[in-house]
Amino acid sequence: MIKKKICMLGAFAVGKTSLVKRFVKGIFSDKYLSSVGVKIDKKKVIIEQQEVDLLLWDIHGEDEFQKVQRSYLRGSSGYFLVVDGARRATLNTAFTLQKRTEETIGKVPFVLIFNKWDLKDEWEIDDKTMDDLSKDGLMVVKTSAKSGQGVEEAFLTLTREILEA
């Protein structure tokens, strides 16, 4: 059995916990619970006849008062940068976190998630921005933790990238 640690990174309230709950348990709750520190979940997936045990580290959101603990990142095989499509500033936070993560653990696979697709009418980030990021070589996935759209795809895409790295 292969075990891989994946961190969920992003600003405060972008949907990291909701994405993990949707992927691991298949559920969504409208109740907002702020993550304190880190919460770890596990899920087994099969990629090309290979069992992979994913250890999902749901790390508290970063804002101006609270910075991600670098020690949480150590040992990660990959990570998600989660952005709330309805809050453009969360994209800047994601890139700041990417830089800090690379300084801490080096370059490992990651996927840039634009979450809250179910609220597309409220988005501040346009399709052109996402297309440009994809053209720059970033893996971009649009998700909705609420509806489940793109969630499994995002986790399986990152797992494949980790196995190929």
N, C-alpha and C. Protein backbone atom coordinates (compact mmCIF):
# COMPACT_ATOMS: atom_id res chain seq x y z
N MET A 1 0.85 -1.19 0.00
CA MET A 1 0.00 0.00 0.00
C MET A 1 0.88 1.24 0.00
N ILE A 2 0.61 2.13 -0.91
CA ILE A 2 1.32 3.40 -1.01
C ILE A 2 0.56 4.42 -0.18
N LYS A 3 1.29 5.21 0.63
CA LYS A 3 0.67 6.28 1.41
C LYS A 3 1.23 7.62 0.93
N LYS A 4 0.33 8.57 0.72
CA LYS A 4 0.74 9.89 0.26
C LYS A 4 0.02 10.97 1.07
N LYS A 5 0.79 11.94 1.52
CA LYS A 5 0.26 13.07 2.27
C LYS A 5 -0.04 14.21 1.30
N ILE A 6 -1.27 14.74 1.40
CA ILE A 6 -1.70 15.86 0.58
C ILE A 6 -2.22 16.96 1.51
N CYS A 7 -1.76 18.18 1.30
CA CYS A 7 -2.21 19.32 2.11
C CYS A 7 -3.22 20.16 1.34
N MET A 8 -4.19 20.66 2.06
CA MET A 8 -5.19 21.58 1.53
C MET A 8 -4.78 22.97 2.00
N LEU A 9 -4.44 23.85 1.03
CA LEU A 9 -3.98 25.19 1.37
C LEU A 9 -4.86 26.23 0.72
N GLY A 10 -5.04 27.34 1.39
CA GLY A 10 -5.82 28.43 0.83
C GLY A 10 -6.19 29.42 1.90
N ALA A 11 -6.83 30.48 1.48
CA ALA A 11 -7.27 31.53 2.40
C ALA A 11 -8.39 31.01 3.29
N PHE A 12 -8.76 31.82 4.23
CA PHE A 12 -9.87 31.57 5.13
C PHE A 12 -11.17 31.42 4.34
N ALA A 13 -11.94 30.37 4.60
CA ALA A 13 -13.30 30.18 4.05
C ALA A 13 -13.38 29.99 2.54
N VAL A 14 -12.38 29.33 1.95
CA VAL A 14 -12.44 29.04 0.50
C VAL A 14 -13.11 27.70 0.22
N GLY A 15 -13.29 26.87 1.26
CA GLY A 15 -13.97 25.59 1.08
C GLY A 15 -13.08 24.37 1.20
N LYS A 16 -11.92 24.51 1.82
CA LYS A 16 -10.99 23.37 1.96
C LYS A 16 -11.63 22.21 2.71
N THR A 17 -12.22 22.51 3.87
CA THR A 17 -12.85 21.47 4.69
C THR A 17 -14.03 20.84 3.95
N SER A 18 -14.81 21.66 3.27
CA SER A 18 -15.97 21.15 2.52
C SER A 18 -15.53 20.24 1.38
N LEU A 19 -14.43 20.56 0.71
CA LEU A 19 -13.91 19.70 -0.36
C LEU A 19 -13.48 18.34 0.19
N VAL A 20 -12.79 18.35 1.33
CA VAL A 20 -12.36 17.10 1.94
C VAL A 20 -13.56 16.27 2.36
N LYS A 21 -14.55 16.90 3.00
CA LYS A 21 -15.76 16.17 3.43
C LYS A 21 -16.49 15.57 2.23
N ARG A 22 -16.59 16.34 1.14
CA ARG A 22 -17.27 15.85 -0.05
C ARG A 22 -16.53 14.65 -0.63
N PHE A 23 -15.20 14.73 -0.69
CA PHE A 23 -14.39 13.66 -1.26
C PHE A 23 -14.38 12.42 -0.37
N VAL A 24 -14.18 12.60 0.92
CA VAL A 24 -14.02 11.46 1.83
C VAL A 24 -15.37 10.84 2.21
N LYS A 25 -16.36 11.69 2.52
CA LYS A 25 -17.63 11.19 3.05
C LYS A 25 -18.81 11.39 2.12
N GLY A 26 -18.61 12.14 1.03
CA GLY A 26 -19.69 12.37 0.08
C GLY A 26 -20.77 13.30 0.61
N ILE A 27 -20.43 14.16 1.58
CA ILE A 27 -21.43 15.04 2.17
C ILE A 27 -21.02 16.50 2.05
N PHE A 28 -22.00 17.37 2.20
CA PHE A 28 -21.79 18.82 2.23
C PHE A 28 -22.68 19.41 3.30
N SER A 29 -22.14 20.35 4.05
CA SER A 29 -22.93 21.06 5.06
C SER A 29 -22.78 22.55 4.83
N ASP A 30 -23.90 23.29 4.94
CA ASP A 30 -23.87 24.75 4.80
C ASP A 30 -23.31 25.42 6.04
N LYS A 31 -23.18 24.67 7.14
CA LYS A 31 -22.67 25.25 8.38
C LYS A 31 -21.18 25.49 8.25
N TYR A 32 -20.75 26.71 8.53
CA TYR A 32 -19.34 27.03 8.44
C TYR A 32 -18.66 26.75 9.77
N LEU A 33 -17.63 25.94 9.71
CA LEU A 33 -16.80 25.67 10.88
C LEU A 33 -15.36 26.02 10.52
N SER A 34 -14.81 26.99 11.21
CA SER A 34 -13.43 27.39 10.96
C SER A 34 -12.49 26.30 11.45
N SER A 35 -11.53 25.93 10.61
CA SER A 35 -10.54 24.93 11.01
C SER A 35 -9.54 25.58 11.96
N VAL A 36 -9.19 24.85 12.99
CA VAL A 36 -8.18 25.30 13.93
C VAL A 36 -7.01 24.33 13.81
N GLY A 37 -5.84 24.84 13.45
CA GLY A 37 -4.69 23.95 13.29
C GLY A 37 -4.84 23.11 12.05
N VAL A 38 -4.90 21.79 12.25
CA VAL A 38 -5.00 20.88 11.12
C VAL A 38 -5.92 19.72 11.48
N LYS A 39 -6.69 19.27 10.51
CA LYS A 39 -7.53 18.08 10.67
C LYS A 39 -7.09 17.09 9.60
N ILE A 40 -6.90 15.85 10.00
CA ILE A 40 -6.40 14.84 9.07
C ILE A 40 -7.47 13.80 8.80
N ASP A 41 -7.72 13.55 7.50
CA ASP A 41 -8.64 12.50 7.06
C ASP A 41 -7.88 11.54 6.17
N LYS A 42 -8.46 10.37 5.97
CA LYS A 42 -7.86 9.36 5.09
C LYS A 42 -8.87 8.88 4.08
N LYS A 43 -8.38 8.57 2.90
CA LYS A 43 -9.24 7.92 1.90
C LYS A 43 -8.35 7.09 1.00
N LYS A 44 -8.83 5.89 0.72
CA LYS A 44 -8.13 4.99 -0.18
C LYS A 44 -8.69 5.17 -1.58
N VAL A 45 -7.80 5.30 -2.56
CA VAL A 45 -8.21 5.39 -3.96
C VAL A 45 -7.41 4.36 -4.75
N ILE A 46 -7.93 4.03 -5.92
CA ILE A 46 -7.22 3.11 -6.80
C ILE A 46 -6.93 3.83 -8.10
N ILE A 47 -5.64 3.90 -8.42
CA ILE A 47 -5.18 4.53 -9.64
C ILE A 47 -4.43 3.48 -10.44
N GLU A 48 -4.98 3.12 -11.59
CA GLU A 48 -4.37 2.12 -12.47
C GLU A 48 -3.96 0.86 -11.69
N GLN A 49 -4.92 0.25 -11.05
CA GLN A 49 -4.78 -0.98 -10.27
C GLN A 49 -3.82 -0.85 -9.09
N GLN A 50 -3.55 0.36 -8.65
CA GLN A 50 -2.65 0.58 -7.53
C GLN A 50 -3.42 1.26 -6.41
N GLU A 51 -3.40 0.63 -5.22
CA GLU A 51 -4.08 1.23 -4.06
C GLU A 51 -3.20 2.32 -3.48
N VAL A 52 -3.82 3.48 -3.24
CA VAL A 52 -3.10 4.60 -2.65
C VAL A 52 -3.91 5.10 -1.46
N ASP A 53 -3.26 5.16 -0.31
CA ASP A 53 -3.88 5.67 0.90
C ASP A 53 -3.54 7.15 0.99
N LEU A 54 -4.53 8.00 0.84
CA LEU A 54 -4.30 9.44 0.90
C LEU A 54 -4.51 9.94 2.33
N LEU A 55 -3.54 10.65 2.83
CA LEU A 55 -3.65 11.32 4.12
C LEU A 55 -3.88 12.79 3.80
N LEU A 56 -5.08 13.27 4.06
CA LEU A 56 -5.49 14.62 3.67
C LEU A 56 -5.38 15.55 4.86
N TRP A 57 -4.44 16.48 4.78
CA TRP A 57 -4.21 17.45 5.84
C TRP A 57 -4.97 18.73 5.50
N ASP A 58 -6.07 18.94 6.20
CA ASP A 58 -6.90 20.13 6.03
C ASP A 58 -6.36 21.19 6.98
N ILE A 59 -5.55 22.09 6.43
CA ILE A 59 -4.85 23.09 7.25
C ILE A 59 -5.69 24.36 7.32
N HIS A 60 -5.71 24.96 8.51
CA HIS A 60 -6.49 26.18 8.72
C HIS A 60 -6.20 27.21 7.64
N GLY A 61 -7.20 28.02 7.35
CA GLY A 61 -7.04 29.04 6.31
C GLY A 61 -6.09 30.14 6.74
N GLU A 62 -5.40 30.68 5.74
CA GLU A 62 -4.48 31.77 6.03
C GLU A 62 -5.18 33.09 5.83
N ASP A 63 -4.94 34.01 6.75
CA ASP A 63 -5.39 35.39 6.60
C ASP A 63 -4.33 36.30 7.20
N GLU A 64 -4.65 37.57 7.37
CA GLU A 64 -3.63 38.51 7.85
C GLU A 64 -3.22 38.25 9.29
N PHE A 65 -4.01 37.49 10.04
CA PHE A 65 -3.69 37.23 11.44
C PHE A 65 -3.02 35.88 11.66
N GLN A 66 -3.24 34.95 10.76
CA GLN A 66 -2.80 33.57 10.99
C GLN A 66 -2.07 33.05 9.76
N LYS A 67 -0.85 32.61 9.96
CA LYS A 67 -0.04 32.06 8.87
C LYS A 67 -0.01 30.54 8.99
N VAL A 68 0.09 29.86 7.84
CA VAL A 68 0.17 28.40 7.83
C VAL A 68 1.49 27.98 8.48
N GLN A 69 1.41 27.02 9.36
CA GLN A 69 2.61 26.47 10.01
C GLN A 69 3.40 25.65 8.99
N ARG A 70 4.63 26.04 8.76
CA ARG A 70 5.45 25.33 7.77
C ARG A 70 5.65 23.87 8.15
N SER A 71 5.65 23.57 9.45
CA SER A 71 5.86 22.18 9.87
C SER A 71 4.74 21.27 9.37
N TYR A 72 3.53 21.82 9.14
CA TYR A 72 2.42 21.02 8.62
C TYR A 72 2.71 20.53 7.20
N LEU A 73 3.54 21.26 6.48
CA LEU A 73 3.81 20.94 5.07
C LEU A 73 4.82 19.81 4.89
N ARG A 74 5.68 19.62 5.85
CA ARG A 74 6.76 18.64 5.71
C ARG A 74 6.22 17.24 5.45
N GLY A 75 6.83 16.56 4.50
CA GLY A 75 6.42 15.20 4.17
C GLY A 75 5.30 15.13 3.15
N SER A 76 4.87 16.28 2.66
CA SER A 76 3.78 16.30 1.68
C SER A 76 4.26 15.82 0.33
N SER A 77 3.45 14.99 -0.30
CA SER A 77 3.73 14.53 -1.66
C SER A 77 3.12 15.47 -2.69
N GLY A 78 2.15 16.28 -2.25
CA GLY A 78 1.47 17.21 -3.13
C GLY A 78 0.51 18.05 -2.32
N TYR A 79 -0.10 19.01 -3.00
CA TYR A 79 -1.03 19.88 -2.28
C TYR A 79 -2.03 20.52 -3.25
N PHE A 80 -3.10 21.02 -2.65
CA PHE A 80 -4.09 21.80 -3.38
C PHE A 80 -3.98 23.25 -2.95
N LEU A 81 -4.05 24.14 -3.91
CA LEU A 81 -4.22 25.56 -3.64
C LEU A 81 -5.68 25.84 -3.94
N VAL A 82 -6.46 26.14 -2.91
CA VAL A 82 -7.90 26.32 -3.07
C VAL A 82 -8.23 27.81 -3.10
N VAL A 83 -9.00 28.19 -4.12
CA VAL A 83 -9.40 29.58 -4.35
C VAL A 83 -10.92 29.64 -4.35
N ASP A 84 -11.47 30.66 -3.74
CA ASP A 84 -12.91 30.93 -3.80
C ASP A 84 -13.13 31.83 -5.01
N GLY A 85 -13.78 31.30 -6.04
CA GLY A 85 -14.00 32.06 -7.26
C GLY A 85 -14.74 33.36 -7.05
N ALA A 86 -15.48 33.48 -5.96
CA ALA A 86 -16.23 34.70 -5.68
C ALA A 86 -15.40 35.74 -4.92
N ARG A 87 -14.15 35.40 -4.60
CA ARG A 87 -13.27 36.35 -3.90
C ARG A 87 -11.90 36.35 -4.57
N ARG A 88 -11.69 37.30 -5.45
CA ARG A 88 -10.45 37.37 -6.23
C ARG A 88 -9.20 37.39 -5.35
N ALA A 89 -9.27 38.03 -4.20
CA ALA A 89 -8.10 38.14 -3.31
C ALA A 89 -7.59 36.76 -2.87
N THR A 90 -8.45 35.76 -2.89
CA THR A 90 -8.01 34.42 -2.47
C THR A 90 -7.04 33.80 -3.47
N LEU A 91 -7.06 34.29 -4.72
CA LEU A 91 -6.10 33.82 -5.72
C LEU A 91 -4.70 34.32 -5.37
N ASN A 92 -4.60 35.57 -4.94
CA ASN A 92 -3.30 36.12 -4.51
C ASN A 92 -2.77 35.36 -3.30
N THR A 93 -3.66 35.04 -2.35
CA THR A 93 -3.25 34.27 -1.18
C THR A 93 -2.72 32.91 -1.61
N ALA A 94 -3.39 32.28 -2.58
CA ALA A 94 -2.95 30.96 -3.07
C ALA A 94 -1.53 31.03 -3.63
N PHE A 95 -1.22 32.06 -4.40
CA PHE A 95 0.13 32.17 -4.97
C PHE A 95 1.18 32.47 -3.91
N THR A 96 0.81 33.21 -2.88
CA THR A 96 1.71 33.44 -1.75
C THR A 96 2.00 32.12 -1.05
N LEU A 97 0.95 31.32 -0.85
CA LEU A 97 1.11 30.02 -0.22
C LEU A 97 1.94 29.07 -1.08
N GLN A 98 1.78 29.15 -2.39
CA GLN A 98 2.58 28.31 -3.29
C GLN A 98 4.06 28.62 -3.12
N LYS A 99 4.38 29.89 -3.10
CA LYS A 99 5.78 30.30 -2.95
C LYS A 99 6.34 29.80 -1.62
N ARG A 100 5.61 30.00 -0.53
CA ARG A 100 6.06 29.58 0.78
C ARG A 100 6.20 28.06 0.88
N THR A 101 5.27 27.36 0.23
CA THR A 101 5.31 25.89 0.25
C THR A 101 6.55 25.40 -0.49
N GLU A 102 6.84 25.98 -1.66
CA GLU A 102 8.03 25.57 -2.42
C GLU A 102 9.31 25.88 -1.65
N GLU A 103 9.34 26.97 -0.90
CA GLU A 103 10.50 27.30 -0.07
C GLU A 103 10.68 26.26 1.04
N THR A 104 9.58 25.69 1.50
CA THR A 104 9.62 24.75 2.63
C THR A 104 9.90 23.32 2.19
N ILE A 105 9.21 22.84 1.15
CA ILE A 105 9.34 21.42 0.78
C ILE A 105 9.82 21.21 -0.65
N GLY A 106 10.12 22.29 -1.36
CA GLY A 106 10.55 22.16 -2.75
C GLY A 106 9.35 22.04 -3.68
N LYS A 107 9.65 21.74 -4.93
CA LYS A 107 8.58 21.62 -5.93
C LYS A 107 8.00 20.21 -5.87
N VAL A 108 6.72 20.14 -5.56
CA VAL A 108 5.97 18.89 -5.59
C VAL A 108 4.69 19.18 -6.38
N PRO A 109 4.02 18.15 -6.88
CA PRO A 109 2.79 18.38 -7.66
C PRO A 109 1.72 19.12 -6.84
N PHE A 110 0.99 19.98 -7.53
CA PHE A 110 -0.16 20.64 -6.91
C PHE A 110 -1.21 20.91 -7.97
N VAL A 111 -2.43 21.11 -7.49
CA VAL A 111 -3.55 21.46 -8.35
C VAL A 111 -4.17 22.73 -7.80
N LEU A 112 -4.45 23.66 -8.69
CA LEU A 112 -5.12 24.90 -8.34
C LEU A 112 -6.63 24.68 -8.51
N ILE A 113 -7.34 24.75 -7.39
CA ILE A 113 -8.79 24.51 -7.41
C ILE A 113 -9.52 25.84 -7.31
N PHE A 114 -10.41 26.08 -8.27
CA PHE A 114 -11.34 27.21 -8.18
C PHE A 114 -12.65 26.64 -7.68
N ASN A 115 -12.94 26.87 -6.41
CA ASN A 115 -14.09 26.27 -5.74
C ASN A 115 -15.30 27.21 -5.76
N LYS A 116 -16.43 26.63 -5.45
CA LYS A 116 -17.72 27.32 -5.37
C LYS A 116 -18.29 27.61 -6.76
N TRP A 117 -18.10 26.64 -7.67
CA TRP A 117 -18.63 26.76 -9.03
C TRP A 117 -20.15 26.91 -9.02
N ASP A 118 -20.81 26.40 -7.98
CA ASP A 118 -22.27 26.53 -7.87
C ASP A 118 -22.68 27.99 -7.70
N LEU A 119 -21.74 28.88 -7.36
CA LEU A 119 -22.01 30.31 -7.21
C LEU A 119 -21.41 31.10 -8.37
N LYS A 120 -21.30 30.49 -9.53
CA LYS A 120 -20.61 31.07 -10.69
C LYS A 120 -21.07 32.50 -11.00
N ASP A 121 -22.34 32.80 -10.80
CA ASP A 121 -22.86 34.14 -11.09
C ASP A 121 -22.23 35.21 -10.19
N GLU A 122 -21.66 34.80 -9.07
CA GLU A 122 -21.06 35.74 -8.12
C GLU A 122 -19.54 35.81 -8.25
N TRP A 123 -18.98 35.07 -9.20
CA TRP A 123 -17.52 34.98 -9.30
C TRP A 123 -16.88 36.30 -9.70
N GLU A 124 -15.72 36.56 -9.11
CA GLU A 124 -14.89 37.72 -9.46
C GLU A 124 -13.73 37.31 -10.36
N ILE A 125 -13.58 36.00 -10.56
CA ILE A 125 -12.50 35.48 -11.40
C ILE A 125 -13.13 34.98 -12.69
N ASP A 126 -12.64 35.49 -13.82
CA ASP A 126 -13.24 35.13 -15.10
C ASP A 126 -12.56 33.93 -15.75
N ASP A 127 -13.22 33.40 -16.76
CA ASP A 127 -12.71 32.22 -17.47
C ASP A 127 -11.35 32.49 -18.11
N LYS A 128 -11.14 33.70 -18.59
CA LYS A 128 -9.87 34.04 -19.24
C LYS A 128 -8.71 33.88 -18.24
N THR A 129 -8.89 34.33 -17.02
CA THR A 129 -7.85 34.20 -15.99
C THR A 129 -7.52 32.72 -15.77
N MET A 130 -8.55 31.90 -15.67
CA MET A 130 -8.32 30.47 -15.45
C MET A 130 -7.67 29.83 -16.67
N ASP A 131 -8.09 30.21 -17.87
CA ASP A 131 -7.49 29.69 -19.10
C ASP A 131 -6.02 30.08 -19.20
N ASP A 132 -5.70 31.34 -18.85
CA ASP A 132 -4.32 31.80 -18.89
C ASP A 132 -3.45 31.00 -17.91
N LEU A 133 -3.98 30.70 -16.74
CA LEU A 133 -3.23 29.91 -15.76
C LEU A 133 -2.98 28.50 -16.28
N SER A 134 -3.98 27.93 -16.95
CA SER A 134 -3.81 26.59 -17.55
C SER A 134 -2.75 26.63 -18.65
N LYS A 135 -2.78 27.68 -19.47
CA LYS A 135 -1.79 27.83 -20.55
C LYS A 135 -0.38 27.99 -20.00
N ASP A 136 -0.28 28.54 -18.78
CA ASP A 136 1.02 28.70 -18.12
C ASP A 136 1.52 27.38 -17.52
N GLY A 137 0.75 26.30 -17.71
CA GLY A 137 1.18 24.99 -17.25
C GLY A 137 0.63 24.56 -15.90
N LEU A 138 -0.22 25.37 -15.30
CA LEU A 138 -0.80 24.98 -14.02
C LEU A 138 -1.99 24.04 -14.25
N MET A 139 -2.14 23.08 -13.35
CA MET A 139 -3.32 22.22 -13.40
C MET A 139 -4.44 22.95 -12.67
N VAL A 140 -5.51 23.25 -13.40
CA VAL A 140 -6.63 24.01 -12.86
C VAL A 140 -7.89 23.16 -12.93
N VAL A 141 -8.62 23.08 -11.81
CA VAL A 141 -9.87 22.34 -11.78
C VAL A 141 -10.93 23.23 -11.12
N LYS A 142 -12.10 23.29 -11.75
CA LYS A 142 -13.24 24.01 -11.18
C LYS A 142 -14.05 23.01 -10.38
N THR A 143 -14.37 23.38 -9.13
CA THR A 143 -15.11 22.47 -8.27
C THR A 143 -16.27 23.16 -7.58
N SER A 144 -17.16 22.34 -7.07
CA SER A 144 -18.20 22.78 -6.15
C SER A 144 -18.32 21.71 -5.08
N ALA A 145 -17.89 22.05 -3.88
CA ALA A 145 -18.04 21.10 -2.78
C ALA A 145 -19.53 20.84 -2.51
N LYS A 146 -20.36 21.84 -2.81
CA LYS A 146 -21.79 21.71 -2.57
C LYS A 146 -22.42 20.67 -3.50
N SER A 147 -22.17 20.79 -4.81
CA SER A 147 -22.77 19.86 -5.77
C SER A 147 -21.91 18.62 -6.00
N GLY A 148 -20.64 18.73 -5.68
CA GLY A 148 -19.71 17.62 -5.92
C GLY A 148 -18.97 17.73 -7.25
N GLN A 149 -19.36 18.69 -8.09
CA GLN A 149 -18.74 18.84 -9.41
C GLN A 149 -17.22 19.03 -9.29
N GLY A 150 -16.48 18.20 -10.00
CA GLY A 150 -15.04 18.34 -10.12
C GLY A 150 -14.23 17.87 -8.92
N VAL A 151 -14.88 17.52 -7.82
CA VAL A 151 -14.15 17.19 -6.59
C VAL A 151 -13.34 15.91 -6.76
N GLU A 152 -13.98 14.84 -7.16
CA GLU A 152 -13.26 13.58 -7.35
C GLU A 152 -12.17 13.75 -8.42
N GLU A 153 -12.50 14.43 -9.50
CA GLU A 153 -11.53 14.68 -10.57
C GLU A 153 -10.28 15.36 -10.02
N ALA A 154 -10.46 16.37 -9.16
CA ALA A 154 -9.32 17.10 -8.60
C ALA A 154 -8.42 16.18 -7.79
N PHE A 155 -9.02 15.38 -6.90
CA PHE A 155 -8.22 14.51 -6.04
C PHE A 155 -7.51 13.42 -6.85
N LEU A 156 -8.21 12.85 -7.82
CA LEU A 156 -7.59 11.80 -8.63
C LEU A 156 -6.50 12.37 -9.54
N THR A 157 -6.71 13.58 -10.06
CA THR A 157 -5.70 14.23 -10.90
C THR A 157 -4.42 14.45 -10.10
N LEU A 158 -4.55 14.98 -8.89
CA LEU A 158 -3.36 15.21 -8.08
C LEU A 158 -2.69 13.90 -7.70
N THR A 159 -3.47 12.89 -7.37
CA THR A 159 -2.88 11.59 -7.01
C THR A 159 -2.08 11.02 -8.18
N ARG A 160 -2.63 11.10 -9.40
CA ARG A 160 -1.90 10.62 -10.59
C ARG A 160 -0.59 11.39 -10.76
N GLU A 161 -0.64 12.71 -10.59
CA GLU A 161 0.56 13.54 -10.72
C GLU A 161 1.62 13.15 -9.69
N ILE A 162 1.17 12.88 -8.47
CA ILE A 162 2.10 12.47 -7.42
C ILE A 162 2.76 11.15 -7.76
N LEU A 163 1.99 10.20 -8.27
CA LEU A 163 2.54 8.87 -8.60
C LEU A 163 3.52 8.95 -9.77
N GLU A 164 3.31 9.92 -10.67
CA GLU A 164 4.19 10.05 -11.83
C GLU A 164 5.44 10.87 -11.52
N ALA A 165 5.42 11.60 -10.41
CA ALA A 165 6.56 12.48 -10.06
C ALA A 165 7.79 11.69 -9.65
